[in-house]
PDB file of all heavy atoms in Angstrom:
ATOM      1  N   SER A   1     -79.244  32.333 138.477  1.00  0.00           N
ATOM      2  CA  SER A   1     -77.817  32.618 138.296  1.00  0.00           C
ATOM      3  C   SER A   1     -77.378  32.548 136.840  1.00  0.00           C
ATOM      4  O   SER A   1     -76.331  33.086 136.477  1.00  0.00           O
ATOM      5  CB  SER A   1     -76.977  31.637 139.122  1.00  0.00           C
ATOM      6  OG  SER A   1     -77.242  30.297 138.734  1.00  0.00           O
ATOM      7  N   ASN A   2     -78.183  31.918 135.976  1.00  0.00           N
ATOM      8  CA  ASN A   2     -77.817  31.823 134.554  1.00  0.00           C
ATOM      9  C   ASN A   2     -78.396  32.961 133.719  1.00  0.00           C
ATOM     10  O   ASN A   2     -78.317  32.932 132.492  1.00  0.00           O
ATOM     11  CB  ASN A   2     -78.248  30.473 133.973  1.00  0.00           C
ATOM     12  CG  ASN A   2     -79.769  30.280 134.009  1.00  0.00           C
ATOM     13  OD1 ASN A   2     -80.492  31.068 134.612  1.00  0.00           O
ATOM     14  ND2 ASN A   2     -80.239  29.216 133.376  1.00  0.00           N
ATOM     15  N   ASN A   3     -78.999  33.955 134.356  1.00  0.00           N
ATOM     16  CA  ASN A   3     -79.541  35.094 133.622  1.00  0.00           C
ATOM     17  C   ASN A   3     -78.419  35.778 132.833  1.00  0.00           C
ATOM     18  O   ASN A   3     -77.324  35.990 133.370  1.00  0.00           O
ATOM     19  CB  ASN A   3     -80.169  36.088 134.607  1.00  0.00           C
ATOM     20  CG  ASN A   3     -80.937  37.200 133.913  1.00  0.00           C
ATOM     21  OD1 ASN A   3     -80.348  38.079 133.289  1.00  0.00           O
ATOM     22  ND2 ASN A   3     -82.251  37.171 134.033  1.00  0.00           N
ATOM     23  N   PRO A   4     -78.645  36.136 131.564  1.00  0.00           N
ATOM     24  CA  PRO A   4     -77.566  36.721 130.754  1.00  0.00           C
ATOM     25  C   PRO A   4     -76.991  38.003 131.340  1.00  0.00           C
ATOM     26  O   PRO A   4     -75.789  38.282 131.186  1.00  0.00           O
ATOM     27  CB  PRO A   4     -78.239  36.983 129.398  1.00  0.00           C
ATOM     28  CG  PRO A   4     -79.707  36.891 129.646  1.00  0.00           C
ATOM     29  CD  PRO A   4     -79.875  35.949 130.785  1.00  0.00           C
ATOM     30  N   ILE A   5     -77.813  38.791 132.021  1.00  0.00           N
ATOM     31  CA  ILE A   5     -77.314  40.029 132.616  1.00  0.00           C
ATOM     32  C   ILE A   5     -76.285  39.737 133.707  1.00  0.00           C
ATOM     33  O   ILE A   5     -75.346  40.509 133.926  1.00  0.00           O
ATOM     34  CB  ILE A   5     -78.484  40.858 133.202  1.00  0.00           C
ATOM     35  CG1 ILE A   5     -79.374  41.392 132.077  1.00  0.00           C
ATOM     36  CG2 ILE A   5     -77.975  42.011 134.061  1.00  0.00           C
ATOM     37  CD1 ILE A   5     -78.744  42.477 131.216  1.00  0.00           C
ATOM     38  N   LEU A   6     -76.423  38.610 134.381  1.00  0.00           N
ATOM     39  CA  LEU A   6     -75.513  38.244 135.458  1.00  0.00           C
ATOM     40  C   LEU A   6     -74.282  37.502 134.956  1.00  0.00           C
ATOM     41  O   LEU A   6     -73.376  37.208 135.743  1.00  0.00           O
ATOM     42  CB  LEU A   6     -76.235  37.375 136.491  1.00  0.00           C
ATOM     43  CG  LEU A   6     -77.522  37.937 137.094  1.00  0.00           C
ATOM     44  CD1 LEU A   6     -78.060  37.002 138.167  1.00  0.00           C
ATOM     45  CD2 LEU A   6     -77.312  39.336 137.648  1.00  0.00           C
ATOM     46  N   ASN A   7     -74.242  37.204 133.678  1.00  0.00           N
ATOM     47  CA  ASN A   7     -73.145  36.399 133.127  1.00  0.00           C
ATOM     48  C   ASN A   7     -72.449  37.095 131.968  1.00  0.00           C
ATOM     49  O   ASN A   7     -71.951  36.448 131.052  1.00  0.00           O
ATOM     50  CB  ASN A   7     -73.685  35.039 132.672  1.00  0.00           C
ATOM     51  CG  ASN A   7     -74.068  34.162 133.847  1.00  0.00           C
ATOM     52  OD1 ASN A   7     -73.232  33.498 134.437  1.00  0.00           O
ATOM     53  ND2 ASN A   7     -75.344  34.187 134.211  1.00  0.00           N
ATOM     54  N   THR A   8     -72.395  38.400 132.039  1.00  0.00           N
ATOM     55  CA  THR A   8     -71.776  39.153 130.970  1.00  0.00           C
ATOM     56  C   THR A   8     -70.330  39.505 131.330  1.00  0.00           C
ATOM     57  O   THR A   8     -69.808  39.074 132.366  1.00  0.00           O
ATOM     58  CB  THR A   8     -72.596  40.423 130.668  1.00  0.00           C
ATOM     59  OG1 THR A   8     -72.050  41.077 129.527  1.00  0.00           O
ATOM     60  CG2 THR A   8     -72.608  41.373 131.857  1.00  0.00           C
ATOM     61  N   THR A   9     -69.691  40.300 130.512  1.00  0.00           N
ATOM     62  CA  THR A   9     -68.283  40.624 130.714  1.00  0.00           C
ATOM     63  C   THR A   9     -68.103  41.660 131.817  1.00  0.00           C
ATOM     64  O   THR A   9     -69.046  42.369 132.205  1.00  0.00           O
ATOM     65  CB  THR A   9     -67.682  41.188 129.416  1.00  0.00           C
ATOM     66  OG1 THR A   9     -68.347  42.426 129.105  1.00  0.00           O
ATOM     67  CG2 THR A   9     -67.861  40.214 128.265  1.00  0.00           C
ATOM     68  N   GLU A  10     -66.885  41.769 132.309  1.00  0.00           N
ATOM     69  CA  GLU A  10     -66.582  42.775 133.333  1.00  0.00           C
ATOM     70  C   GLU A  10     -66.850  44.180 132.799  1.00  0.00           C
ATOM     71  O   GLU A  10     -67.339  45.046 133.525  1.00  0.00           O
ATOM     72  CB  GLU A  10     -65.123  42.647 133.775  1.00  0.00           C
ATOM     73  CG  GLU A  10     -64.751  43.620 134.883  1.00  0.00           C
ATOM     74  CD  GLU A  10     -63.314  43.457 135.351  1.00  0.00           C
ATOM     75  OE1 GLU A  10     -62.626  42.545 134.845  1.00  0.00           O
ATOM     76  OE2 GLU A  10     -62.884  44.242 136.212  1.00  0.00           O
ATOM     77  N   PHE A  11     -66.548  44.412 131.530  1.00  0.00           N
ATOM     78  CA  PHE A  11     -66.793  45.718 130.905  1.00  0.00           C
ATOM     79  C   PHE A  11     -68.261  46.106 131.032  1.00  0.00           C
ATOM     80  O   PHE A  11     -68.599  47.241 131.391  1.00  0.00           O
ATOM     81  CB  PHE A  11     -66.399  45.674 129.419  1.00  0.00           C
ATOM     82  CG  PHE A  11     -66.666  46.948 128.672  1.00  0.00           C
ATOM     83  CD1 PHE A  11     -65.729  47.959 128.633  1.00  0.00           C
ATOM     84  CD2 PHE A  11     -67.872  47.131 128.005  1.00  0.00           C
ATOM     85  CE1 PHE A  11     -65.974  49.153 127.938  1.00  0.00           C
ATOM     86  CE2 PHE A  11     -68.146  48.306 127.307  1.00  0.00           C
ATOM     87  CZ  PHE A  11     -67.189  49.318 127.277  1.00  0.00           C
ATOM     88  N   VAL A  12     -69.145  45.169 130.768  1.00  0.00           N
ATOM     89  CA  VAL A  12     -70.584  45.454 130.844  1.00  0.00           C
ATOM     90  C   VAL A  12     -71.023  45.592 132.296  1.00  0.00           C
ATOM     91  O   VAL A  12     -71.780  46.509 132.646  1.00  0.00           O
ATOM     92  CB  VAL A  12     -71.388  44.361 130.125  1.00  0.00           C
ATOM     93  CG1 VAL A  12     -72.893  44.559 130.348  1.00  0.00           C
ATOM     94  CG2 VAL A  12     -71.072  44.357 128.629  1.00  0.00           C
ATOM     95  N   ARG A  13     -70.543  44.718 133.155  1.00  0.00           N
ATOM     96  CA  ARG A  13     -70.948  44.763 134.570  1.00  0.00           C
ATOM     97  C   ARG A  13     -70.589  46.102 135.211  1.00  0.00           C
ATOM     98  O   ARG A  13     -71.328  46.593 136.072  1.00  0.00           O
ATOM     99  CB  ARG A  13     -70.300  43.615 135.353  1.00  0.00           C
ATOM    100  CG  ARG A  13     -70.908  42.249 135.066  1.00  0.00           C
ATOM    101  CD  ARG A  13     -70.579  41.261 136.174  1.00  0.00           C
ATOM    102  NE  ARG A  13     -69.144  41.108 136.357  1.00  0.00           N
ATOM    103  CZ  ARG A  13     -68.392  40.225 135.700  1.00  0.00           C
ATOM    104  NH1 ARG A  13     -68.963  39.420 134.811  1.00  0.00           N
ATOM    105  NH2 ARG A  13     -67.102  40.137 135.930  1.00  0.00           N
ATOM    106  N   GLU A  14     -69.478  46.675 134.828  1.00  0.00           N
ATOM    107  CA  GLU A  14     -69.077  47.967 135.390  1.00  0.00           C
ATOM    108  C   GLU A  14     -70.008  49.096 134.974  1.00  0.00           C
ATOM    109  O   GLU A  14     -69.948  50.191 135.537  1.00  0.00           O
ATOM    110  CB  GLU A  14     -67.646  48.307 134.950  1.00  0.00           C
ATOM    111  CG  GLU A  14     -66.586  47.453 135.641  1.00  0.00           C
ATOM    112  CD  GLU A  14     -65.191  47.769 135.132  1.00  0.00           C
ATOM    113  OE1 GLU A  14     -65.067  48.493 134.114  1.00  0.00           O
ATOM    114  OE2 GLU A  14     -64.223  47.300 135.757  1.00  0.00           O
ATOM    115  N   ARG A  15     -70.847  48.828 134.004  1.00  0.00           N
ATOM    116  CA  ARG A  15     -71.779  49.845 133.497  1.00  0.00           C
ATOM    117  C   ARG A  15     -73.235  49.521 133.815  1.00  0.00           C
ATOM    118  O   ARG A  15     -74.140  50.103 133.238  1.00  0.00           O
ATOM    119  CB  ARG A  15     -71.555  50.017 131.986  1.00  0.00           C
ATOM    120  CG  ARG A  15     -70.238  50.728 131.692  1.00  0.00           C
ATOM    121  CD  ARG A  15     -69.639  50.382 130.338  1.00  0.00           C
ATOM    122  NE  ARG A  15     -68.388  51.106 130.145  1.00  0.00           N
ATOM    123  CZ  ARG A  15     -67.211  50.714 130.627  1.00  0.00           C
ATOM    124  NH1 ARG A  15     -67.125  49.580 131.339  1.00  0.00           N
ATOM    125  NH2 ARG A  15     -66.123  51.435 130.435  1.00  0.00           N
ATOM    126  N   LEU A  16     -73.415  48.576 134.726  1.00  0.00           N
ATOM    127  CA  LEU A  16     -74.749  48.177 135.152  1.00  0.00           C
ATOM    128  C   LEU A  16     -74.937  48.446 136.644  1.00  0.00           C
ATOM    129  O   LEU A  16     -74.049  48.159 137.450  1.00  0.00           O
ATOM    130  CB  LEU A  16     -74.963  46.675 134.914  1.00  0.00           C
ATOM    131  CG  LEU A  16     -75.204  46.209 133.480  1.00  0.00           C
ATOM    132  CD1 LEU A  16     -75.119  44.691 133.415  1.00  0.00           C
ATOM    133  CD2 LEU A  16     -76.567  46.681 132.981  1.00  0.00           C
ATOM    134  N   ILE A  17     -76.072  48.989 136.994  1.00  0.00           N
ATOM    135  CA  ILE A  17     -76.467  49.115 138.398  1.00  0.00           C
ATOM    136  C   ILE A  17     -77.789  48.374 138.550  1.00  0.00           C
ATOM    137  O   ILE A  17     -78.773  48.692 137.870  1.00  0.00           O
ATOM    138  CB  ILE A  17     -76.616  50.583 138.822  1.00  0.00           C
ATOM    139  CG1 ILE A  17     -75.269  51.310 138.692  1.00  0.00           C
ATOM    140  CG2 ILE A  17     -77.155  50.676 140.246  1.00  0.00           C
ATOM    141  CD1 ILE A  17     -75.333  52.779 139.012  1.00  0.00           C
ATOM    142  N   LEU A  18     -77.803  47.375 139.425  1.00  0.00           N
ATOM    143  CA  LEU A  18     -78.976  46.522 139.592  1.00  0.00           C
ATOM    144  C   LEU A  18     -79.547  46.666 141.005  1.00  0.00           C
ATOM    145  O   LEU A  18     -78.804  46.815 141.973  1.00  0.00           O
ATOM    146  CB  LEU A  18     -78.611  45.047 139.357  1.00  0.00           C
ATOM    147  CG  LEU A  18     -77.896  44.698 138.059  1.00  0.00           C
ATOM    148  CD1 LEU A  18     -77.615  43.191 138.014  1.00  0.00           C
ATOM    149  CD2 LEU A  18     -78.699  45.120 136.852  1.00  0.00           C
ATOM    150  N   SER A  19     -80.860  46.603 141.095  1.00  0.00           N
ATOM    151  CA  SER A  19     -81.531  46.479 142.393  1.00  0.00           C
ATOM    152  C   SER A  19     -82.600  45.402 142.254  1.00  0.00           C
ATOM    153  O   SER A  19     -83.059  45.111 141.152  1.00  0.00           O
ATOM    154  CB  SER A  19     -82.126  47.819 142.852  1.00  0.00           C
ATOM    155  OG  SER A  19     -83.017  48.355 141.885  1.00  0.00           O
ATOM    156  N   PRO A  20     -83.009  44.784 143.363  1.00  0.00           N
ATOM    157  CA  PRO A  20     -83.804  43.537 143.298  1.00  0.00           C
ATOM    158  C   PRO A  20     -85.313  43.742 143.208  1.00  0.00           C
ATOM    159  O   PRO A  20     -86.081  43.097 143.911  1.00  0.00           O
ATOM    160  CB  PRO A  20     -83.412  42.823 144.591  1.00  0.00           C
ATOM    161  CG  PRO A  20     -83.153  43.946 145.550  1.00  0.00           C
ATOM    162  CD  PRO A  20     -82.522  45.034 144.728  1.00  0.00           C
ATOM    163  N   HIS A  21     -85.739  44.604 142.303  1.00  0.00           N
ATOM    164  CA  HIS A  21     -87.168  44.886 142.079  1.00  0.00           C
ATOM    165  C   HIS A  21     -87.819  45.394 143.373  1.00  0.00           C
ATOM    166  O   HIS A  21     -88.823  44.870 143.850  1.00  0.00           O
ATOM    167  CB  HIS A  21     -87.898  43.650 141.568  1.00  0.00           C
ATOM    168  CG  HIS A  21     -89.124  43.995 140.768  1.00  0.00           C
ATOM    169  ND1 HIS A  21     -89.780  43.106 139.957  1.00  0.00           N
ATOM    170  CD2 HIS A  21     -89.826  45.158 140.662  1.00  0.00           C
ATOM    171  CE1 HIS A  21     -90.814  43.686 139.386  1.00  0.00           C
ATOM    172  NE2 HIS A  21     -90.863  44.940 139.797  1.00  0.00           N
ATOM    173  N   ILE A  22     -87.237  46.484 143.897  1.00  0.00           N
ATOM    174  CA  ILE A  22     -87.719  47.044 145.164  1.00  0.00           C
ATOM    175  C   ILE A  22     -88.201  48.485 145.008  1.00  0.00           C
ATOM    176  O   ILE A  22     -88.542  49.125 146.008  1.00  0.00           O
ATOM    177  CB  ILE A  22     -86.608  47.015 146.235  1.00  0.00           C
ATOM    178  CG1 ILE A  22     -85.353  47.749 145.735  1.00  0.00           C
ATOM    179  CG2 ILE A  22     -86.288  45.580 146.632  1.00  0.00           C
ATOM    180  CD1 ILE A  22     -84.355  48.061 146.811  1.00  0.00           C
ATOM    181  N   ALA A  23     -88.255  48.990 143.786  1.00  0.00           N
ATOM    182  CA  ALA A  23     -88.579  50.404 143.597  1.00  0.00           C
ATOM    183  C   ALA A  23     -89.914  50.772 144.222  1.00  0.00           C
ATOM    184  O   ALA A  23     -90.070  51.860 144.786  1.00  0.00           O
ATOM    185  CB  ALA A  23     -88.586  50.748 142.106  1.00  0.00           C
ATOM    186  N   GLY A  24     -90.887  49.889 144.123  1.00  0.00           N
ATOM    187  CA  GLY A  24     -92.219  50.200 144.624  1.00  0.00           C
ATOM    188  C   GLY A  24     -92.479  49.722 146.037  1.00  0.00           C
ATOM    189  O   GLY A  24     -93.598  49.849 146.539  1.00  0.00           O
ATOM    190  N   ILE A  25     -91.458  49.177 146.687  1.00  0.00           N
ATOM    191  CA  ILE A  25     -91.664  48.584 148.012  1.00  0.00           C
ATOM    192  C   ILE A  25     -91.385  49.620 149.092  1.00  0.00           C
ATOM    193  O   ILE A  25     -90.239  49.998 149.343  1.00  0.00           O
ATOM    194  CB  ILE A  25     -90.757  47.357 148.206  1.00  0.00           C
ATOM    195  CG1 ILE A  25     -91.167  46.245 147.233  1.00  0.00           C
ATOM    196  CG2 ILE A  25     -90.830  46.852 149.645  1.00  0.00           C
ATOM    197  CD1 ILE A  25     -90.303  45.009 147.314  1.00  0.00           C
ATOM    198  N   SER A  26     -92.449  50.083 149.699  1.00  0.00           N
ATOM    199  CA  SER A  26     -92.357  50.973 150.850  1.00  0.00           C
ATOM    200  C   SER A  26     -93.634  50.797 151.659  1.00  0.00           C
ATOM    201  O   SER A  26     -94.674  50.425 151.107  1.00  0.00           O
ATOM    202  CB  SER A  26     -92.205  52.431 150.416  1.00  0.00           C
ATOM    203  OG  SER A  26     -93.403  52.910 149.830  1.00  0.00           O
ATOM    204  N   PRO A  27     -93.585  51.045 152.978  1.00  0.00           N
ATOM    205  CA  PRO A  27     -94.819  50.947 153.769  1.00  0.00           C
ATOM    206  C   PRO A  27     -95.929  51.837 153.215  1.00  0.00           C
ATOM    207  O   PRO A  27     -97.098  51.438 153.199  1.00  0.00           O
ATOM    208  CB  PRO A  27     -94.366  51.402 155.164  1.00  0.00           C
ATOM    209  CG  PRO A  27     -92.921  51.067 155.216  1.00  0.00           C
ATOM    210  CD  PRO A  27     -92.412  51.324 153.826  1.00  0.00           C
ATOM    211  N   GLY A  28     -95.561  53.016 152.733  1.00  0.00           N
ATOM    212  CA  GLY A  28     -96.562  53.923 152.174  1.00  0.00           C
ATOM    213  C   GLY A  28     -97.250  53.335 150.965  1.00  0.00           C
ATOM    214  O   GLY A  28     -98.479  53.437 150.821  1.00  0.00           O
ATOM    215  N   SER A  29     -96.478  52.693 150.084  1.00  0.00           N
ATOM    216  CA  SER A  29     -97.059  52.080 148.890  1.00  0.00           C
ATOM    217  C   SER A  29     -98.052  50.986 149.264  1.00  0.00           C
ATOM    218  O   SER A  29     -99.166  50.928 148.744  1.00  0.00           O
ATOM    219  CB  SER A  29     -95.956  51.482 148.006  1.00  0.00           C
ATOM    220  OG  SER A  29     -95.159  52.490 147.433  1.00  0.00           O
ATOM    221  N   PHE A  30     -97.635  50.096 150.175  1.00  0.00           N
ATOM    222  CA  PHE A  30     -98.515  48.989 150.548  1.00  0.00           C
ATOM    223  C   PHE A  30     -99.772  49.471 151.264  1.00  0.00           C
ATOM    224  O   PHE A  30    -100.865  48.953 151.034  1.00  0.00           O
ATOM    225  CB  PHE A  30     -97.755  47.981 151.416  1.00  0.00           C
ATOM    226  CG  PHE A  30     -96.871  47.059 150.634  1.00  0.00           C
ATOM    227  CD1 PHE A  30     -95.499  47.057 150.813  1.00  0.00           C
ATOM    228  CD2 PHE A  30     -97.416  46.193 149.705  1.00  0.00           C
ATOM    229  CE1 PHE A  30     -94.679  46.212 150.090  1.00  0.00           C
ATOM    230  CE2 PHE A  30     -96.601  45.332 148.965  1.00  0.00           C
ATOM    231  CZ  PHE A  30     -95.234  45.350 149.155  1.00  0.00           C
ATOM    232  N   LYS A  31     -99.630  50.454 152.125  1.00  0.00           N
ATOM    233  CA  LYS A  31    -100.807  50.963 152.836  1.00  0.00           C
ATOM    234  C   LYS A  31    -101.796  51.593 151.865  1.00  0.00           C
ATOM    235  O   LYS A  31    -103.012  51.408 151.997  1.00  0.00           O
ATOM    236  CB  LYS A  31    -100.373  51.961 153.908  1.00  0.00           C
ATOM    237  CG  LYS A  31     -99.737  51.283 155.115  1.00  0.00           C
ATOM    238  CD  LYS A  31     -99.312  52.278 156.177  1.00  0.00           C
ATOM    239  CE  LYS A  31     -98.696  51.550 157.374  1.00  0.00           C
ATOM    240  NZ  LYS A  31     -98.244  52.486 158.428  1.00  0.00           N
ATOM    241  N   ARG A  32    -101.281  52.324 150.880  1.00  0.00           N
ATOM    242  CA  ARG A  32    -102.180  52.885 149.861  1.00  0.00           C
ATOM    243  C   ARG A  32    -102.858  51.768 149.073  1.00  0.00           C
ATOM    244  O   ARG A  32    -104.049  51.833 148.768  1.00  0.00           O
ATOM    245  CB  ARG A  32    -101.399  53.811 148.924  1.00  0.00           C
ATOM    246  CG  ARG A  32    -101.023  55.157 149.528  1.00  0.00           C
ATOM    247  CD  ARG A  32    -100.424  56.094 148.492  1.00  0.00           C
ATOM    248  NE  ARG A  32     -99.093  55.677 148.062  1.00  0.00           N
ATOM    249  CZ  ARG A  32     -97.962  56.050 148.663  1.00  0.00           C
ATOM    250  NH1 ARG A  32     -97.997  56.831 149.735  1.00  0.00           N
ATOM    251  NH2 ARG A  32     -96.797  55.636 148.214  1.00  0.00           N
ATOM    252  N   GLY A  33    -102.083  50.729 148.742  1.00  0.00           N
ATOM    253  CA  GLY A  33    -102.642  49.623 147.971  1.00  0.00           C
ATOM    254  C   GLY A  33    -103.710  48.868 148.733  1.00  0.00           C
ATOM    255  O   GLY A  33    -104.788  48.572 148.192  1.00  0.00           O
ATOM    256  N   TYR A  34    -103.444  48.552 149.994  1.00  0.00           N
ATOM    257  CA  TYR A  34    -104.428  47.793 150.770  1.00  0.00           C
ATOM    258  C   TYR A  34    -105.665  48.622 151.083  1.00  0.00           C
ATOM    259  O   TYR A  34    -106.761  48.078 151.211  1.00  0.00           O
ATOM    260  CB  TYR A  34    -103.790  47.255 152.047  1.00  0.00           C
ATOM    261  CG  TYR A  34    -102.787  46.158 151.775  1.00  0.00           C
ATOM    262  CD1 TYR A  34    -101.537  46.153 152.366  1.00  0.00           C
ATOM    263  CD2 TYR A  34    -103.093  45.124 150.889  1.00  0.00           C
ATOM    264  CE1 TYR A  34    -100.612  45.160 152.100  1.00  0.00           C
ATOM    265  CE2 TYR A  34    -102.178  44.123 150.619  1.00  0.00           C
ATOM    266  CZ  TYR A  34    -100.934  44.146 151.224  1.00  0.00           C
ATOM    267  OH  TYR A  34    -100.039  43.163 150.942  1.00  0.00           O
ATOM    268  N   LYS A  35    -105.498  49.931 151.198  1.00  0.00           N
ATOM    269  CA  LYS A  35    -106.668  50.794 151.373  1.00  0.00           C
ATOM    270  C   LYS A  35    -107.590  50.678 150.161  1.00  0.00           C
ATOM    271  O   LYS A  35    -108.819  50.591 150.290  1.00  0.00           O
ATOM    272  CB  LYS A  35    -106.223  52.243 151.573  1.00  0.00           C
ATOM    273  CG  LYS A  35    -107.364  53.204 151.855  1.00  0.00           C
ATOM    274  CD  LYS A  35    -106.843  54.615 152.115  1.00  0.00           C
ATOM    275  CE  LYS A  35    -107.999  55.575 152.396  1.00  0.00           C
ATOM    276  NZ  LYS A  35    -107.497  56.952 152.656  1.00  0.00           N
TER     277      LYS A  35
END
């Protein structure tokens, strides 16, 4: 919760789009990896 990106001004927050490190998470990705 103390990460600087999460503790910035409203002006900056309105210009940020965050996702929780899920870009590579899909069943297809994992199946290819485990293969």
